[in-house]
Amino acid sequence: MKKLLFLVCGLLAGVLLAKILQRPKMARLQQLEAKEADRKANNAQYKHEWQQELATMPFEERMDYELFEAGLKRDGWIGDDNEES
């Protein structure tokens, strides 16, 4: 009977210790997720602003930029279009 009692107490202590040690890890994970969400929101805003600026450019400048970007993509540039969302 004593062995069973010690086993149950040991298991409860182990579970409580594991939960206590897991809390800081989960807090860091939440911070990282918040930073990632903020980064994605900022990138979306910057992309939208760039699209608006690109739309206001004169035709020749816009085509120069499009050709430049196409050349970068041809050479293996990893940009916004190639990012996983």
PDB file of N, CA and C in Angstrom:
ATOM      1  N   MET A   1       0.819  -1.189   0.000  1.00  0.00           N
ATOM      2  CA  MET A   1       0.000   0.000   0.000  1.00  0.00           C
ATOM      3  C   MET A   1       0.868   1.259   0.000  1.00  0.00           C
ATOM      4  N   LYS A   2       1.979   1.216   0.763  1.00  0.00           N
ATOM      5  CA  LYS A   2       2.853   2.377   0.825  1.00  0.00           C
ATOM      6  C   LYS A   2       3.494   2.636  -0.541  1.00  0.00           C
ATOM      7  N   LYS A   3       3.860   1.571  -1.238  1.00  0.00           N
ATOM      8  CA  LYS A   3       4.480   1.726  -2.563  1.00  0.00           C
ATOM      9  C   LYS A   3       3.510   2.397  -3.530  1.00  0.00           C
ATOM     10  N   LEU A   4       2.266   1.997  -3.485  1.00  0.00           N
ATOM     11  CA  LEU A   4       1.255   2.583  -4.361  1.00  0.00           C
ATOM     12  C   LEU A   4       1.047   4.061  -4.031  1.00  0.00           C
ATOM     13  N   LEU A   5       1.014   4.400  -2.765  1.00  0.00           N
ATOM     14  CA  LEU A   5       0.857   5.786  -2.338  1.00  0.00           C
ATOM     15  C   LEU A   5       2.035   6.634  -2.818  1.00  0.00           C
ATOM     16  N   PHE A   6       3.260   6.128  -2.651  1.00  0.00           N
ATOM     17  CA  PHE A   6       4.439   6.850  -3.114  1.00  0.00           C
ATOM     18  C   PHE A   6       4.447   7.000  -4.640  1.00  0.00           C
ATOM     19  N   LEU A   7       3.983   5.982  -5.333  1.00  0.00           N
ATOM     20  CA  LEU A   7       3.912   6.032  -6.789  1.00  0.00           C
ATOM     21  C   LEU A   7       2.929   7.119  -7.238  1.00  0.00           C
ATOM     22  N   VAL A   8       1.772   7.163  -6.628  1.00  0.00           N
ATOM     23  CA  VAL A   8       0.769   8.160  -6.987  1.00  0.00           C
ATOM     24  C   VAL A   8       1.275   9.560  -6.646  1.00  0.00           C
ATOM     25  N   CYS A   9       1.866   9.727  -5.472  1.00  0.00           N
ATOM     26  CA  CYS A   9       2.408  11.045  -5.087  1.00  0.00           C
ATOM     27  C   CYS A   9       3.528  11.451  -6.037  1.00  0.00           C
ATOM     28  N   GLY A  10       4.374  10.509  -6.419  1.00  0.00           N
ATOM     29  CA  GLY A  10       5.462  10.794  -7.352  1.00  0.00           C
ATOM     30  C   GLY A  10       4.942  11.209  -8.717  1.00  0.00           C
ATOM     31  N   LEU A  11       3.909  10.534  -9.192  1.00  0.00           N
ATOM     32  CA  LEU A  11       3.310  10.880 -10.476  1.00  0.00           C
ATOM     33  C   LEU A  11       2.677  12.273 -10.427  1.00  0.00           C
ATOM     34  N   LEU A  12       1.962  12.574  -9.363  1.00  0.00           N
ATOM     35  CA  LEU A  12       1.367  13.907  -9.224  1.00  0.00           C
ATOM     36  C   LEU A  12       2.440  14.990  -9.157  1.00  0.00           C
ATOM     37  N   ALA A  13       3.494  14.738  -8.414  1.00  0.00           N
ATOM     38  CA  ALA A  13       4.586  15.714  -8.326  1.00  0.00           C
ATOM     39  C   ALA A  13       5.249  15.897  -9.695  1.00  0.00           C
ATOM     40  N   GLY A  14       5.421  14.828 -10.437  1.00  0.00           N
ATOM     41  CA  GLY A  14       6.017  14.910 -11.770  1.00  0.00           C
ATOM     42  C   GLY A  14       5.159  15.710 -12.733  1.00  0.00           C
ATOM     43  N   VAL A  15       3.866  15.487 -12.688  1.00  0.00           N
ATOM     44  CA  VAL A  15       2.952  16.222 -13.571  1.00  0.00           C
ATOM     45  C   VAL A  15       2.959  17.701 -13.212  1.00  0.00           C
ATOM     46  N   LEU A  16       2.909  18.023 -11.929  1.00  0.00           N
ATOM     47  CA  LEU A  16       2.935  19.424 -11.506  1.00  0.00           C
ATOM     48  C   LEU A  16       4.247  20.093 -11.888  1.00  0.00           C
ATOM     49  N   LEU A  17       5.351  19.411 -11.712  1.00  0.00           N
ATOM     50  CA  LEU A  17       6.655  19.962 -12.087  1.00  0.00           C
ATOM     51  C   LEU A  17       6.741  20.194 -13.597  1.00  0.00           C
ATOM     52  N   ALA A  18       6.230  19.256 -14.367  1.00  0.00           N
ATOM     53  CA  ALA A  18       6.239  19.413 -15.824  1.00  0.00           C
ATOM     54  C   ALA A  18       5.406  20.621 -16.252  1.00  0.00           C
ATOM     55  N   LYS A  19       4.252  20.824 -15.635  1.00  0.00           N
ATOM     56  CA  LYS A  19       3.406  21.986 -15.961  1.00  0.00           C
ATOM     57  C   LYS A  19       4.105  23.292 -15.576  1.00  0.00           C
ATOM     58  N   ILE A  20       4.763  23.304 -14.416  1.00  0.00           N
ATOM     59  CA  ILE A  20       5.472  24.508 -13.977  1.00  0.00           C
ATOM     60  C   ILE A  20       6.604  24.838 -14.932  1.00  0.00           C
ATOM     61  N   LEU A  21       7.329  23.841 -15.389  1.00  0.00           N
ATOM     62  CA  LEU A  21       8.449  24.068 -16.301  1.00  0.00           C
ATOM     63  C   LEU A  21       7.982  24.411 -17.712  1.00  0.00           C
ATOM     64  N   GLN A  22       6.778  24.022 -18.079  1.00  0.00           N
ATOM     65  CA  GLN A  22       6.262  24.267 -19.418  1.00  0.00           C
ATOM     66  C   GLN A  22       5.743  25.701 -19.584  1.00  0.00           C
ATOM     67  N   ARG A  23       5.361  26.367 -18.516  1.00  0.00           N
ATOM     68  CA  ARG A  23       4.781  27.715 -18.604  1.00  0.00           C
ATOM     69  C   ARG A  23       5.708  28.732 -19.261  1.00  0.00           C
ATOM     70  N   PRO A  24       7.002  28.830 -18.871  1.00  0.00           N
ATOM     71  CA  PRO A  24       7.871  29.816 -19.537  1.00  0.00           C
ATOM     72  C   PRO A  24       8.047  29.524 -21.027  1.00  0.00           C
ATOM     73  N   LYS A  25       8.093  28.256 -21.369  1.00  0.00           N
ATOM     74  CA  LYS A  25       8.235  27.884 -22.780  1.00  0.00           C
ATOM     75  C   LYS A  25       7.014  28.336 -23.575  1.00  0.00           C
ATOM     76  N   MET A  26       5.829  28.162 -23.011  1.00  0.00           N
ATOM     77  CA  MET A  26       4.616  28.577 -23.703  1.00  0.00           C
ATOM     78  C   MET A  26       4.534  30.099 -23.801  1.00  0.00           C
ATOM     79  N   ALA A  27       5.024  30.805 -22.778  1.00  0.00           N
ATOM     80  CA  ALA A  27       5.025  32.267 -22.825  1.00  0.00           C
ATOM     81  C   ALA A  27       5.953  32.753 -23.937  1.00  0.00           C
ATOM     82  N   ARG A  28       7.140  32.137 -24.066  1.00  0.00           N
ATOM     83  CA  ARG A  28       8.052  32.508 -25.150  1.00  0.00           C
ATOM     84  C   ARG A  28       7.445  32.204 -26.509  1.00  0.00           C
ATOM     85  N   LEU A  29       6.748  31.087 -26.616  1.00  0.00           N
ATOM     86  CA  LEU A  29       6.097  30.724 -27.868  1.00  0.00           C
ATOM     87  C   LEU A  29       5.032  31.751 -28.243  1.00  0.00           C
ATOM     88  N   GLN A  30       4.258  32.205 -27.273  1.00  0.00           N
ATOM     89  CA  GLN A  30       3.235  33.214 -27.549  1.00  0.00           C
ATOM     90  C   GLN A  30       3.870  34.524 -27.994  1.00  0.00           C
ATOM     91  N   GLN A  31       5.010  34.891 -27.390  1.00  0.00           N
ATOM     92  CA  GLN A  31       5.706  36.113 -27.797  1.00  0.00           C
ATOM     93  C   GLN A  31       6.196  35.992 -29.236  1.00  0.00           C
ATOM     94  N   LEU A  32       6.763  34.840 -29.577  1.00  0.00           N
ATOM     95  CA  LEU A  32       7.243  34.631 -30.944  1.00  0.00           C
ATOM     96  C   LEU A  32       6.100  34.658 -31.950  1.00  0.00           C
ATOM     97  N   GLU A  33       4.975  34.065 -31.604  1.00  0.00           N
ATOM     98  CA  GLU A  33       3.825  34.079 -32.501  1.00  0.00           C
ATOM     99  C   GLU A  33       3.306  35.505 -32.692  1.00  0.00           C
ATOM    100  N   ALA A  34       3.304  36.304 -31.613  1.00  0.00           N
ATOM    101  CA  ALA A  34       2.852  37.692 -31.723  1.00  0.00           C
ATOM    102  C   ALA A  34       3.803  38.492 -32.608  1.00  0.00           C
ATOM    103  N   LYS A  35       5.098  38.275 -32.469  1.00  0.00           N
ATOM    104  CA  LYS A  35       6.071  38.968 -33.315  1.00  0.00           C
ATOM    105  C   LYS A  35       5.895  38.569 -34.779  1.00  0.00           C
ATOM    106  N   GLU A  36       5.665  37.295 -35.030  1.00  0.00           N
ATOM    107  CA  GLU A  36       5.472  36.817 -36.407  1.00  0.00           C
ATOM    108  C   GLU A  36       4.207  37.410 -37.017  1.00  0.00           C
ATOM    109  N   ALA A  37       3.132  37.472 -36.243  1.00  0.00           N
ATOM    110  CA  ALA A  37       1.890  38.066 -36.740  1.00  0.00           C
ATOM    111  C   ALA A  37       2.085  39.549 -37.032  1.00  0.00           C
ATOM    112  N   ASP A  38       2.822  40.242 -36.172  1.00  0.00           N
ATOM    113  CA  ASP A  38       3.106  41.659 -36.382  1.00  0.00           C
ATOM    114  C   ASP A  38       3.954  41.857 -37.639  1.00  0.00           C
ATOM    115  N   ARG A  39       4.941  40.979 -37.827  1.00  0.00           N
ATOM    116  CA  ARG A  39       5.800  41.066 -39.015  1.00  0.00           C
ATOM    117  C   ARG A  39       4.990  40.851 -40.287  1.00  0.00           C
ATOM    118  N   LYS A  40       4.100  39.869 -40.264  1.00  0.00           N
ATOM    119  CA  LYS A  40       3.269  39.607 -41.442  1.00  0.00           C
ATOM    120  C   LYS A  40       2.331  40.765 -41.740  1.00  0.00           C
ATOM    121  N   ALA A  41       1.769  41.373 -40.684  1.00  0.00           N
ATOM    122  CA  ALA A  41       0.875  42.521 -40.880  1.00  0.00           C
ATOM    123  C   ALA A  41       1.651  43.703 -41.455  1.00  0.00           C
ATOM    124  N   ASN A  42       2.847  43.941 -40.937  1.00  0.00           N
ATOM    125  CA  ASN A  42       3.672  45.036 -41.454  1.00  0.00           C
ATOM    126  C   ASN A  42       4.048  44.792 -42.910  1.00  0.00           C
ATOM    127  N   ASN A  43       4.437  43.559 -43.228  1.00  0.00           N
ATOM    128  CA  ASN A  43       4.804  43.244 -44.609  1.00  0.00           C
ATOM    129  C   ASN A  43       3.624  43.418 -45.555  1.00  0.00           C
ATOM    130  N   ALA A  44       2.441  43.044 -45.122  1.00  0.00           N
ATOM    131  CA  ALA A  44       1.255  43.222 -45.960  1.00  0.00           C
ATOM    132  C   ALA A  44       0.977  44.707 -46.183  1.00  0.00           C
ATOM    133  N   GLN A  45       1.147  45.504 -45.134  1.00  0.00           N
ATOM    134  CA  GLN A  45       0.933  46.947 -45.260  1.00  0.00           C
ATOM    135  C   GLN A  45       1.973  47.556 -46.205  1.00  0.00           C
ATOM    136  N   TYR A  46       3.243  47.154 -46.050  1.00  0.00           N
ATOM    137  CA  TYR A  46       4.288  47.682 -46.930  1.00  0.00           C
ATOM    138  C   TYR A  46       4.049  47.282 -48.381  1.00  0.00           C
ATOM    139  N   LYS A  47       3.599  46.051 -48.587  1.00  0.00           N
ATOM    140  CA  LYS A  47       3.323  45.588 -49.952  1.00  0.00           C
ATOM    141  C   LYS A  47       2.174  46.397 -50.559  1.00  0.00           C
ATOM    142  N   HIS A  48       1.138  46.657 -49.763  1.00  0.00           N
ATOM    143  CA  HIS A  48       0.010  47.447 -50.247  1.00  0.00           C
ATOM    144  C   HIS A  48       0.458  48.867 -50.600  1.00  0.00           C
ATOM    145  N   GLU A  49       1.262  49.467 -49.724  1.00  0.00           N
ATOM    146  CA  GLU A  49       1.766  50.815 -50.001  1.00  0.00           C
ATOM    147  C   GLU A  49       2.628  50.828 -51.261  1.00  0.00           C
ATOM    148  N   TRP A  50       3.447  49.781 -51.454  1.00  0.00           N
ATOM    149  CA  TRP A  50       4.293  49.727 -52.647  1.00  0.00           C
ATOM    150  C   TRP A  50       3.451  49.575 -53.908  1.00  0.00           C
ATOM    151  N   GLN A  51       2.390  48.776 -53.824  1.00  0.00           N
ATOM    152  CA  GLN A  51       1.506  48.617 -54.982  1.00  0.00           C
ATOM    153  C   GLN A  51       0.839  49.946 -55.340  1.00  0.00           C
ATOM    154  N   GLN A  52       0.468  50.703 -54.325  1.00  0.00           N
ATOM    155  CA  GLN A  52      -0.126  52.019 -54.599  1.00  0.00           C
ATOM    156  C   GLN A  52       0.897  52.950 -55.238  1.00  0.00           C
ATOM    157  N   GLU A  53       2.124  52.932 -54.723  1.00  0.00           N
ATOM    158  CA  GLU A  53       3.169  53.777 -55.291  1.00  0.00           C
ATOM    159  C   GLU A  53       3.487  53.349 -56.722  1.00  0.00           C
ATOM    160  N   LEU A  54       3.514  52.056 -56.954  1.00  0.00           N
ATOM    161  CA  LEU A  54       3.786  51.531 -58.291  1.00  0.00           C
ATOM    162  C   LEU A  54       2.690  51.954 -59.270  1.00  0.00           C
ATOM    163  N   ALA A  55       1.457  51.990 -58.804  1.00  0.00           N
ATOM    164  CA  ALA A  55       0.345  52.382 -59.676  1.00  0.00           C
ATOM    165  C   ALA A  55       0.427  53.849 -60.063  1.00  0.00           C
ATOM    166  N   THR A  56       1.040  54.676 -59.222  1.00  0.00           N
ATOM    167  CA  THR A  56       1.135  56.102 -59.536  1.00  0.00           C
ATOM    168  C   THR A  56       2.355  56.429 -60.390  1.00  0.00           C
ATOM    169  N   MET A  57       3.243  55.460 -60.597  1.00  0.00           N
ATOM    170  CA  MET A  57       4.443  55.712 -61.399  1.00  0.00           C
ATOM    171  C   MET A  57       4.077  55.898 -62.865  1.00  0.00           C
ATOM    172  N   PRO A  58       4.873  56.655 -63.583  1.00  0.00           N
ATOM    173  CA  PRO A  58       4.681  56.730 -65.033  1.00  0.00           C
ATOM    174  C   PRO A  58       4.902  55.353 -65.666  1.00  0.00           C
ATOM    175  N   PHE A  59       4.302  55.178 -66.826  1.00  0.00           N
ATOM    176  CA  PHE A  59       4.336  53.866 -67.479  1.00  0.00           C
ATOM    177  C   PHE A  59       5.764  53.359 -67.692  1.00  0.00           C
ATOM    178  N   GLU A  60       6.665  54.190 -68.168  1.00  0.00           N
ATOM    179  CA  GLU A  60       8.024  53.750 -68.467  1.00  0.00           C
ATOM    180  C   GLU A  60       8.761  53.302 -67.211  1.00  0.00           C
ATOM    181  N   GLU A  61       8.620  54.050 -66.120  1.00  0.00           N
ATOM    182  CA  GLU A  61       9.266  53.656 -64.869  1.00  0.00           C
ATOM    183  C   GLU A  61       8.690  52.346 -64.340  1.00  0.00           C
ATOM    184  N   ARG A  62       7.372  52.208 -64.454  1.00  0.00           N
ATOM    185  CA  ARG A  62       6.724  50.983 -63.986  1.00  0.00           C
ATOM    186  C   ARG A  62       7.195  49.782 -64.792  1.00  0.00           C
ATOM    187  N   MET A  63       7.330  49.939 -66.108  1.00  0.00           N
ATOM    188  CA  MET A  63       7.803  48.839 -66.944  1.00  0.00           C
ATOM    189  C   MET A  63       9.275  48.526 -66.654  1.00  0.00           C
ATOM    190  N   ASP A  64      10.090  49.561 -66.392  1.00  0.00           N
ATOM    191  CA  ASP A  64      11.486  49.321 -66.012  1.00  0.00           C
ATOM    192  C   ASP A  64      11.552  48.491 -64.734  1.00  0.00           C
ATOM    193  N   TYR A  65      10.714  48.852 -63.778  1.00  0.00           N
ATOM    194  CA  TYR A  65      10.695  48.092 -62.526  1.00  0.00           C
ATOM    195  C   TYR A  65      10.236  46.657 -62.765  1.00  0.00           C
ATOM    196  N   GLU A  66       9.181  46.480 -63.568  1.00  0.00           N
ATOM    197  CA  GLU A  66       8.677  45.132 -63.851  1.00  0.00           C
ATOM    198  C   GLU A  66       9.750  44.283 -64.533  1.00  0.00           C
ATOM    199  N   LEU A  67      10.485  44.860 -65.465  1.00  0.00           N
ATOM    200  CA  LEU A  67      11.567  44.126 -66.132  1.00  0.00           C
ATOM    201  C   LEU A  67      12.681  43.783 -65.151  1.00  0.00           C
ATOM    202  N   PHE A  68      13.014  44.719 -64.284  1.00  0.00           N
ATOM    203  CA  PHE A  68      14.031  44.486 -63.263  1.00  0.00           C
ATOM    204  C   PHE A  68      13.616  43.339 -62.345  1.00  0.00           C
ATOM    205  N   GLU A  69      12.368  43.361 -61.896  1.00  0.00           N
ATOM    206  CA  GLU A  69      11.872  42.310 -61.006  1.00  0.00           C
ATOM    207  C   GLU A  69      11.824  40.961 -61.721  1.00  0.00           C
ATOM    208  N   ALA A  70      11.439  40.953 -62.994  1.00  0.00           N
ATOM    209  CA  ALA A  70      11.408  39.703 -63.761  1.00  0.00           C
ATOM    210  C   ALA A  70      12.815  39.134 -63.896  1.00  0.00           C
ATOM    211  N   GLY A  71      13.803  39.998 -64.114  1.00  0.00           N
ATOM    212  CA  GLY A  71      15.183  39.538 -64.191  1.00  0.00           C
ATOM    213  C   GLY A  71      15.657  38.940 -62.878  1.00  0.00           C
ATOM    214  N   LEU A  72      15.283  39.561 -61.770  1.00  0.00           N
ATOM    215  CA  LEU A  72      15.650  39.013 -60.461  1.00  0.00           C
ATOM    216  C   LEU A  72      15.016  37.639 -60.244  1.00  0.00           C
ATOM    217  N   LYS A  73      13.753  37.511 -60.589  1.00  0.00           N
ATOM    218  CA  LYS A  73      13.066  36.226 -60.406  1.00  0.00           C
ATOM    219  C   LYS A  73      13.673  35.152 -61.293  1.00  0.00           C
ATOM    220  N   ARG A  74      14.073  35.532 -62.506  1.00  0.00           N
ATOM    221  CA  ARG A  74      14.694  34.576 -63.418  1.00  0.00           C
ATOM    222  C   ARG A  74      16.004  34.051 -62.833  1.00  0.00           C
ATOM    223  N   ASP A  75      16.729  34.919 -62.131  1.00  0.00           N
ATOM    224  CA  ASP A  75      18.016  34.538 -61.565  1.00  0.00           C
ATOM    225  C   ASP A  75      17.896  33.867 -60.203  1.00  0.00           C
ATOM    226  N   GLY A  76      16.689  33.594 -59.760  1.00  0.00           N
ATOM    227  CA  GLY A  76      16.487  32.842 -58.526  1.00  0.00           C
ATOM    228  C   GLY A  76      16.277  33.688 -57.296  1.00  0.00           C
ATOM    229  N   TRP A  77      15.910  34.954 -57.477  1.00  0.00           N
ATOM    230  CA  TRP A  77      15.638  35.824 -56.339  1.00  0.00           C
ATOM    231  C   TRP A  77      14.413  35.328 -55.608  1.00  0.00           C
ATOM    232  N   ILE A  78      14.489  35.340 -54.292  1.00  0.00           N
ATOM    233  CA  ILE A  78      13.343  34.941 -53.485  1.00  0.00           C
ATOM    234  C   ILE A  78      12.700  36.211 -52.965  1.00  0.00           C
ATOM    235  N   GLY A  79      11.500  36.484 -53.400  1.00  0.00           N
ATOM    236  CA  GLY A  79      10.813  37.722 -53.012  1.00  0.00           C
ATOM    237  C   GLY A  79       9.477  37.440 -52.396  1.00  0.00           C
ATOM    238  N   ASP A  80       8.635  38.456 -52.387  1.00  0.00           N
ATOM    239  CA  ASP A  80       7.315  38.350 -51.754  1.00  0.00           C
ATOM    240  C   ASP A  80       6.439  37.293 -52.413  1.00  0.00           C
ATOM    241  N   ASP A  81       6.544  37.157 -53.721  1.00  0.00           N
ATOM    242  CA  ASP A  81       5.672  36.209 -54.416  1.00  0.00           C
ATOM    243  C   ASP A  81       6.054  34.773 -54.103  1.00  0.00           C
ATOM    244  N   ASN A  82       7.297  34.533 -53.701  1.00  0.00           N
ATOM    245  CA  ASN A  82       7.763  33.183 -53.434  1.00  0.00           C
ATOM    246  C   ASN A  82       7.670  32.799 -51.965  1.00  0.00           C
ATOM    247  N   GLU A  83       7.280  33.742 -51.085  1.00  0.00           N
ATOM    248  CA  GLU A  83       7.163  33.447 -49.665  1.00  0.00           C
ATOM    249  C   GLU A  83       5.952  32.586 -49.410  1.00  0.00           C
ATOM    250  N   GLU A  84       6.118  31.707 -48.412  1.00  0.00           N
ATOM    251  CA  GLU A  84       4.971  30.912 -47.993  1.00  0.00           C
ATOM    252  C   GLU A  84       4.145  31.728 -47.025  1.00  0.00           C
ATOM    253  N   SER A  85       2.836  31.714 -47.197  1.00  0.00           N
ATOM    254  CA  SER A  85       1.979  32.495 -46.294  1.00  0.00           C
ATOM    255  C   SER A  85       1.248  31.589 -45.351  1.00  0.00           C
TER     256      SER A  85
END
